[in-house]
Amino acid sequence: MNRKVKQMFKKLDFILQKYDELSVTVSDPQVIADQSRWQKHIKEMGDMEPIVLKYKEYKKALEEKDQTLELLNDPSTDDEMREMAKEELADLQSKLETTEQELKILLLPKDPNDEKNVYLELRAGTGGEEAALFAGDLLRMYIRYAERHGWKTELTDINDTGIGGVKEGVIRIIGRGAYSRLKYESGVHRVQRVPETESSGRIHTSAATVAIMPEVEDVNVDLRWDDIRVDTYRASGHGGQYINMTDSAVRLTHLPTGVVVQCQDEKSQLKNKEKAFNELKSRLYAFYQQQQHDEQSELRKGQVGSGDRSERIRTYNFPQGRVTDHRIGLTIYKLDAFLDGDMDEIIDALITSDQAERMKGE
């Protein structure tokens, strides 16, 4: 057993011991009476539980392997039983190797934003009206994906074309683990299809950009109202519908950085202002975090880029019914299902690829 593996099992033993201690602590009447303390310990246990269960599974398989080896080394074991034991030993060894890999993944440092809600921003890129229609398709795709995972969505801002297209839009996705799965969506998404307005049947290539920002409750940034310009205007919906006759929509501009957010989904100007302020905190968090990442040359997330077709992370090819993620070289031939929110096959592959890269650095 090499040094890294020894260190891993030492850490696992510590986690198991800590988990068992907490199991006793949360049953203490004095701790239960202090709800804040009790909830803190329960959350800590919840974070450790997947590792603990997997480690117990590993220890059980290891115990069964030792018992099988004893059986093989026993001279009284008959030939038939010996063959069965050999097969079982091979299965157990395979299980131990698989479980060990799973434990390594579970022990990887967690992204502190993984459990957070997200703001998902969409912008039509190169391609004019067709790019806006594609951005609208992506907006619906992410809403459907959120529904499949039991997450809530709020459309906080939209600039639509009136015929199903979206020039730009922002949705808030509320659900545990939303960022952990959607953070890989940042970048340029390219579409290849024949537009409805194309009479000659020629395939057009267009693009839209996606940016994913974790929602943060408290950001350590110098956010002062003196640095924010507040503009109000009348909200309007799709095709001019649901026009609000008061200036309830709010636009906030952070003057030092130029970051702009706007919200018009509430009838109350005060509520729109509050929502816009919360979004601004998240955008500034992402802005300063990106600055720090640039300085450290540790850009691990895909960049949105300029919206040019060549800067794509994924291609949606309608004539061939395929979706290709260029970062991992994976192509699936179920475009319709993917656009209906069935995205997990590619997202799971992206997570696995990311974990493999991170394990190389451990």
Protein backbone atom coordinates (compact mmCIF):
# COMPACT_ATOMS: atom_id res chain seq x y z
CA MET A 1 0.00 0.00 0.00
CA ASN A 2 1.60 3.28 -1.12
CA ARG A 3 1.79 6.44 1.00
CA LYS A 4 -1.16 8.20 -0.69
CA VAL A 5 -3.46 5.23 -0.14
CA LYS A 6 -2.36 4.95 3.51
CA GLN A 7 -3.14 8.63 4.00
CA MET A 8 -6.54 8.14 2.38
CA PHE A 9 -7.52 5.32 4.74
CA LYS A 10 -6.20 7.25 7.73
CA LYS A 11 -8.50 10.10 6.73
CA LEU A 12 -11.41 7.69 6.24
CA ASP A 13 -10.89 6.23 9.72
CA PHE A 14 -10.93 9.75 11.16
CA ILE A 15 -14.18 10.61 9.32
CA LEU A 16 -15.82 7.38 10.49
CA GLN A 17 -14.80 8.07 14.08
CA LYS A 18 -16.07 11.66 13.87
CA TYR A 19 -19.36 10.47 12.35
CA ASP A 20 -19.89 7.96 15.17
CA GLU A 21 -19.14 10.65 17.77
CA LEU A 22 -21.64 13.01 16.17
CA SER A 23 -24.27 10.23 16.11
CA VAL A 24 -24.04 10.14 19.89
CA THR A 25 -23.89 13.93 20.23
CA VAL A 26 -27.11 14.61 18.26
CA SER A 27 -29.00 12.27 20.61
CA ASP A 28 -27.99 14.30 23.67
CA PRO A 29 -31.07 16.13 25.06
CA GLN A 30 -28.99 19.26 25.77
CA VAL A 31 -27.81 19.40 22.16
CA ILE A 32 -31.34 18.79 20.86
CA ALA A 33 -32.55 21.72 22.98
CA ASP A 34 -30.01 23.96 21.22
CA GLN A 35 -31.53 23.78 17.72
CA SER A 36 -28.80 25.84 16.08
CA ARG A 37 -26.08 23.51 17.38
CA TRP A 38 -28.15 20.39 16.62
CA GLN A 39 -28.80 21.46 13.03
CA LYS A 40 -25.11 22.24 12.54
CA HIS A 41 -24.17 18.71 13.63
CA ILE A 42 -26.92 17.14 11.52
CA LYS A 43 -25.64 19.01 8.43
CA GLU A 44 -22.09 17.88 9.24
CA MET A 45 -23.29 14.28 9.45
CA GLY A 46 -25.20 14.66 6.20
CA ASP A 47 -22.04 15.85 4.45
CA MET A 48 -20.07 12.90 5.78
CA GLU A 49 -22.74 10.22 5.29
CA PRO A 50 -21.99 9.32 1.62
CA ILE A 51 -18.31 8.79 2.52
CA VAL A 52 -19.15 6.82 5.66
CA LEU A 53 -21.60 4.50 3.87
CA LYS A 54 -19.15 3.87 1.03
CA TYR A 55 -16.29 3.21 3.49
CA LYS A 56 -18.43 0.74 5.44
CA GLU A 57 -19.22 -0.97 2.14
CA TYR A 58 -15.47 -1.18 1.43
CA LYS A 59 -14.69 -2.57 4.91
CA LYS A 60 -17.41 -5.21 4.56
CA ALA A 61 -16.01 -6.33 1.18
CA LEU A 62 -12.51 -6.42 2.69
CA GLU A 63 -13.78 -8.61 5.52
CA GLU A 64 -15.46 -10.96 3.04
CA LYS A 65 -12.22 -11.13 1.05
CA ASP A 66 -10.29 -12.19 4.16
CA GLN A 67 -12.87 -14.89 4.90
CA THR A 68 -12.63 -16.17 1.32
CA LEU A 69 -8.83 -16.28 1.51
CA GLU A 70 -9.08 -18.30 4.72
CA LEU A 71 -11.34 -20.74 2.92
CA LEU A 72 -8.87 -21.06 0.04
CA ASN A 73 -5.95 -21.59 2.40
CA ASP A 74 -7.81 -24.25 4.38
CA PRO A 75 -6.50 -27.67 3.24
CA SER A 76 -9.85 -29.27 4.08
CA THR A 77 -11.70 -27.20 1.45
CA ASP A 78 -12.87 -29.48 -1.38
CA ASP A 79 -12.20 -28.70 -5.06
CA GLU A 80 -15.73 -27.54 -5.87
CA MET A 81 -15.79 -25.12 -2.95
CA ARG A 82 -12.29 -23.94 -3.85
CA GLU A 83 -13.39 -23.00 -7.39
CA MET A 84 -16.38 -21.12 -6.04
CA ALA A 85 -14.11 -19.29 -3.61
CA LYS A 86 -11.75 -18.29 -6.43
CA GLU A 87 -14.63 -16.78 -8.40
CA GLU A 88 -15.91 -14.95 -5.33
CA LEU A 89 -12.40 -13.66 -4.60
CA ALA A 90 -12.13 -12.20 -8.11
CA ASP A 91 -15.52 -10.49 -7.73
CA LEU A 92 -14.58 -9.07 -4.33
CA GLN A 93 -11.24 -7.78 -5.63
CA SER A 94 -13.02 -6.01 -8.47
CA LYS A 95 -15.55 -4.53 -6.04
CA LEU A 96 -12.77 -3.31 -3.74
CA GLU A 97 -10.96 -1.58 -6.61
CA THR A 98 -14.17 0.10 -7.79
CA THR A 99 -15.14 1.18 -4.28
CA GLU A 100 -11.65 2.54 -3.63
CA GLN A 101 -11.97 4.75 -6.72
CA GLU A 102 -15.39 5.93 -5.56
CA LEU A 103 -13.92 6.80 -2.16
CA LYS A 104 -11.15 8.82 -3.81
CA ILE A 105 -13.79 10.82 -5.68
CA LEU A 106 -15.86 11.37 -2.54
CA LEU A 107 -12.77 12.69 -0.74
CA LEU A 108 -11.95 15.26 -3.42
CA PRO A 109 -12.23 18.84 -2.10
CA LYS A 110 -15.75 20.14 -2.60
CA ASP A 111 -16.47 23.28 -4.56
CA PRO A 112 -17.92 25.60 -1.86
CA ASN A 113 -20.56 26.77 -4.34
CA ASP A 114 -21.82 23.31 -5.35
CA GLU A 115 -24.94 23.27 -3.17
CA LYS A 116 -26.02 26.80 -4.11
CA ASN A 117 -28.78 28.13 -6.34
CA VAL A 118 -27.67 29.70 -9.60
CA TYR A 119 -28.33 32.61 -11.89
CA LEU A 120 -28.24 31.42 -15.49
CA GLU A 121 -27.71 34.10 -18.11
CA LEU A 122 -28.40 33.55 -21.81
CA ARG A 123 -27.43 35.84 -24.67
CA ALA A 124 -27.98 35.44 -28.40
CA GLY A 125 -24.62 35.50 -30.18
CA THR A 126 -23.65 35.35 -33.84
CA GLY A 127 -26.57 34.58 -36.17
CA GLY A 128 -29.18 37.31 -35.80
CA GLU A 129 -32.80 36.19 -35.39
CA GLU A 130 -31.86 32.51 -35.63
CA ALA A 131 -29.41 32.96 -32.72
CA ALA A 132 -32.21 34.54 -30.65
CA LEU A 133 -34.54 31.62 -31.46
CA PHE A 134 -31.80 29.20 -30.39
CA ALA A 135 -31.29 31.13 -27.13
CA GLY A 136 -35.04 30.72 -26.55
CA ASP A 137 -34.68 26.96 -27.11
CA LEU A 138 -31.85 26.85 -24.55
CA LEU A 139 -33.90 28.82 -22.04
CA ARG A 140 -36.73 26.28 -22.29
CA MET A 141 -34.20 23.41 -22.12
CA TYR A 142 -32.77 24.62 -18.81
CA ILE A 143 -36.22 25.23 -17.34
CA ARG A 144 -37.19 21.66 -18.28
CA TYR A 145 -33.92 20.33 -16.83
CA ALA A 146 -34.66 22.15 -13.56
CA GLU A 147 -38.17 20.65 -13.49
CA ARG A 148 -36.76 17.15 -13.97
CA HIS A 149 -34.58 17.67 -10.88
CA GLY A 150 -37.37 19.17 -8.79
CA TRP A 151 -35.80 22.64 -8.79
CA LYS A 152 -37.76 25.88 -8.99
CA THR A 153 -37.12 28.55 -11.61
CA GLU A 154 -37.73 32.30 -11.65
CA LEU A 155 -37.40 34.34 -14.82
CA THR A 156 -35.82 37.51 -13.44
CA ASP A 157 -35.20 39.32 -16.73
CA ILE A 158 -36.02 38.73 -20.40
CA ASN A 159 -35.53 40.65 -23.62
CA ASP A 160 -37.48 38.62 -26.16
CA THR A 161 -38.11 39.07 -29.86
CA GLY A 162 -41.85 38.47 -29.73
CA ILE A 163 -41.68 35.34 -31.94
CA GLY A 164 -40.14 32.91 -29.46
CA GLY A 165 -36.60 34.25 -29.60
CA VAL A 166 -34.58 35.61 -26.71
CA LYS A 167 -31.93 38.30 -27.15
CA GLU A 168 -30.94 37.96 -23.51
CA GLY A 169 -32.47 36.55 -20.38
CA VAL A 170 -31.69 35.58 -16.80
CA ILE A 171 -33.29 32.79 -14.78
CA ARG A 172 -32.76 32.00 -11.14
CA ILE A 173 -32.69 28.25 -10.50
CA ILE A 174 -33.45 27.28 -6.92
CA GLY A 175 -32.51 23.81 -5.72
CA ARG A 176 -29.84 22.00 -3.76
CA GLY A 177 -26.90 21.10 -5.96
CA ALA A 178 -28.03 23.25 -8.89
CA TYR A 179 -24.60 24.84 -9.29
CA SER A 180 -22.78 21.50 -9.00
CA ARG A 181 -24.48 20.27 -12.17
CA LEU A 182 -25.00 23.46 -14.15
CA LYS A 183 -21.54 25.02 -13.71
CA TYR A 184 -20.29 23.09 -16.75
CA GLU A 185 -22.78 24.90 -19.01
CA SER A 186 -20.81 28.18 -19.16
CA GLY A 187 -19.63 28.91 -22.68
CA VAL A 188 -20.70 29.22 -26.31
CA HIS A 189 -23.42 26.84 -27.53
CA ARG A 190 -23.59 26.43 -31.31
CA VAL A 191 -26.58 25.31 -33.38
CA GLN A 192 -26.66 23.97 -36.92
CA ARG A 193 -30.09 23.81 -38.54
CA VAL A 194 -32.27 25.06 -41.38
CA PRO A 195 -34.16 28.17 -40.20
CA GLU A 196 -37.92 28.27 -40.82
CA THR A 197 -37.37 31.39 -42.90
CA GLU A 198 -34.78 29.68 -45.14
CA SER A 199 -36.55 28.80 -48.40
CA SER A 200 -33.54 27.11 -50.04
CA GLY A 201 -33.06 24.58 -47.22
CA ARG A 202 -29.55 25.80 -46.44
CA ILE A 203 -28.16 24.93 -43.00
CA HIS A 204 -27.27 27.97 -40.89
CA THR A 205 -24.84 28.04 -37.97
CA SER A 206 -25.67 30.32 -35.04
CA ALA A 207 -24.60 30.64 -31.43
CA ALA A 208 -25.72 31.66 -27.97
CA THR A 209 -23.71 32.16 -24.79
CA VAL A 210 -24.49 30.80 -21.34
CA ALA A 211 -23.06 32.10 -18.06
CA ILE A 212 -23.62 30.34 -14.73
CA MET A 213 -23.22 32.27 -11.47
CA PRO A 214 -23.73 30.83 -7.98
CA GLU A 215 -26.22 32.68 -5.82
CA VAL A 216 -24.55 34.02 -2.70
CA GLU A 217 -26.17 35.22 0.49
CA ASP A 218 -23.31 37.34 1.70
CA VAL A 219 -20.43 38.47 -0.49
CA ASN A 220 -17.28 39.99 0.90
CA VAL A 221 -17.21 42.85 -1.58
CA ASP A 222 -17.39 46.58 -1.10
CA LEU A 223 -21.00 46.99 -2.20
CA ARG A 224 -22.22 50.50 -1.35
CA TRP A 225 -25.38 52.15 -2.59
CA ASP A 226 -23.25 55.19 -3.46
CA ASP A 227 -21.65 53.00 -6.16
CA ILE A 228 -24.98 51.85 -7.61
CA ARG A 229 -27.08 53.77 -10.11
CA VAL A 230 -30.77 52.88 -9.87
CA ASP A 231 -32.97 53.29 -12.94
CA THR A 232 -36.69 52.49 -13.09
CA TYR A 233 -38.83 51.89 -16.15
CA ARG A 234 -42.10 50.30 -17.20
CA ALA A 235 -42.04 46.52 -17.49
CA SER A 236 -43.41 44.84 -20.60
CA GLY A 237 -43.92 41.22 -21.48
CA HIS A 238 -43.92 39.04 -24.56
CA GLY A 239 -45.18 40.95 -27.59
CA GLY A 240 -46.10 43.92 -25.43
CA GLN A 241 -48.49 41.93 -23.24
CA TYR A 242 -48.90 42.43 -19.48
CA ILE A 243 -47.62 46.00 -19.73
CA ASN A 244 -47.25 47.51 -16.28
CA MET A 245 -48.50 51.11 -16.22
CA THR A 246 -46.10 52.07 -13.38
CA ASP A 247 -42.30 52.26 -13.38
CA SER A 248 -41.93 48.96 -11.46
CA ALA A 249 -38.99 47.49 -13.41
CA VAL A 250 -35.56 48.17 -11.90
CA ARG A 251 -32.09 48.37 -13.41
CA LEU A 252 -29.03 48.51 -11.13
CA THR A 253 -25.62 49.52 -12.45
CA HIS A 254 -22.53 48.97 -10.31
CA LEU A 255 -20.48 51.96 -11.39
CA PRO A 256 -16.95 50.74 -10.39
CA THR A 257 -17.26 47.53 -12.45
CA GLY A 258 -19.98 48.33 -14.99
CA VAL A 259 -21.96 45.22 -13.93
CA VAL A 260 -25.66 45.71 -14.75
CA VAL A 261 -28.68 43.75 -13.56
CA GLN A 262 -32.36 44.33 -14.11
CA CYS A 263 -35.56 42.79 -12.79
CA GLN A 264 -39.14 43.24 -13.95
CA ASP A 265 -40.96 40.05 -12.94
CA GLU A 266 -42.62 41.53 -9.82
CA LYS A 267 -45.35 44.18 -9.87
CA SER A 268 -43.75 45.90 -6.89
CA GLN A 269 -40.76 48.16 -7.58
CA LEU A 270 -39.46 47.42 -4.07
CA LYS A 271 -39.49 43.66 -4.68
CA ASN A 272 -37.82 44.07 -8.06
CA LYS A 273 -35.17 46.25 -6.43
CA GLU A 274 -34.55 43.63 -3.73
CA LYS A 275 -34.27 40.80 -6.29
CA ALA A 276 -31.99 42.88 -8.51
CA PHE A 277 -29.76 43.70 -5.53
CA ASN A 278 -29.41 40.01 -4.64
CA GLU A 279 -28.54 39.19 -8.24
CA LEU A 280 -26.03 42.04 -8.31
CA LYS A 281 -24.27 40.54 -5.29
CA SER A 282 -23.98 37.23 -7.13
CA ARG A 283 -22.70 38.89 -10.29
CA LEU A 284 -20.09 40.86 -8.37
CA TYR A 285 -19.05 37.70 -6.56
CA ALA A 286 -18.57 36.00 -9.94
CA PHE A 287 -16.81 39.11 -11.30
CA TYR A 288 -14.26 39.28 -8.47
CA GLN A 289 -13.86 35.51 -8.36
CA GLN A 290 -13.08 35.53 -12.08
CA GLN A 291 -10.52 38.29 -11.55
CA GLN A 292 -8.82 36.21 -8.89
CA HIS A 293 -8.85 33.12 -11.11
CA ASP A 294 -7.31 35.11 -13.97
CA GLU A 295 -4.54 36.36 -11.73
CA GLN A 296 -3.75 32.83 -10.51
CA SER A 297 -4.08 31.28 -13.99
CA GLU A 298 -6.42 28.66 -12.56
CA LEU A 299 -9.33 29.00 -14.96
CA ARG A 300 -11.18 25.74 -14.52
CA LYS A 301 -14.52 26.84 -15.82
CA GLY A 302 -15.29 27.27 -19.50
CA GLN A 303 -15.30 30.87 -20.60
CA VAL A 304 -18.31 32.42 -22.25
CA GLY A 305 -16.16 34.15 -24.88
CA SER A 306 -17.47 36.64 -27.41
CA GLY A 307 -20.36 34.55 -28.69
CA ASP A 308 -18.57 33.67 -31.91
CA ARG A 309 -19.49 30.29 -33.42
CA SER A 310 -15.87 29.08 -33.33
CA GLU A 311 -15.64 29.41 -29.55
CA ARG A 312 -18.11 26.61 -28.91
CA ILE A 313 -18.24 24.14 -26.06
CA ARG A 314 -21.20 22.25 -27.53
CA THR A 315 -22.89 21.84 -30.92
CA TYR A 316 -26.57 21.06 -31.48
CA ASN A 317 -26.89 19.60 -35.00
CA PHE A 318 -30.54 19.32 -36.07
CA PRO A 319 -30.10 17.58 -39.46
CA GLN A 320 -28.24 14.71 -37.77
CA GLY A 321 -30.21 14.84 -34.51
CA ARG A 322 -27.03 14.95 -32.44
CA VAL A 323 -25.48 16.89 -29.57
CA THR A 324 -21.68 17.03 -29.31
CA ASP A 325 -19.78 18.30 -26.29
CA HIS A 326 -16.38 19.32 -27.64
CA ARG A 327 -14.61 19.45 -24.25
CA ILE A 328 -14.89 15.71 -23.73
CA GLY A 329 -15.50 14.59 -27.33
CA LEU A 330 -18.88 13.03 -26.49
CA THR A 331 -21.70 12.83 -29.06
CA ILE A 332 -25.22 11.59 -28.34
CA TYR A 333 -27.97 11.11 -30.93
CA LYS A 334 -31.02 12.25 -28.99
CA LEU A 335 -31.24 15.95 -29.69
CA ASP A 336 -35.01 16.26 -29.10
CA ALA A 337 -34.79 14.61 -25.67
CA PHE A 338 -31.77 16.72 -24.74
CA LEU A 339 -33.57 19.96 -25.64
CA ASP A 340 -36.48 18.71 -23.54
CA GLY A 341 -34.18 18.73 -20.50
CA ASP A 342 -32.81 15.18 -20.64
CA MET A 343 -29.24 16.45 -20.24
CA ASP A 344 -27.81 14.17 -17.55
CA GLU A 345 -25.85 11.85 -19.84
CA ILE A 346 -23.57 14.67 -20.96
CA ILE A 347 -23.50 16.46 -17.60
CA ASP A 348 -22.58 13.20 -15.80
CA ALA A 349 -19.76 12.67 -18.32
CA LEU A 350 -18.50 16.22 -17.73
CA ILE A 351 -18.52 15.65 -13.96
CA THR A 352 -16.62 12.37 -14.37
CA SER A 353 -14.05 14.06 -16.62
CA ASP A 354 -13.62 16.90 -14.15
CA GLN A 355 -13.14 14.44 -11.27
CA ALA A 356 -10.54 12.50 -13.24
CA GLU A 357 -8.58 15.71 -13.92
CA ARG A 358 -8.73 16.70 -10.29
CA MET A 359 -7.59 13.26 -9.15
CA LYS A 360 -4.47 13.63 -11.33
CA GLY A 361 -3.52 16.63 -9.26
CA GLU A 362 -4.04 14.92 -5.92
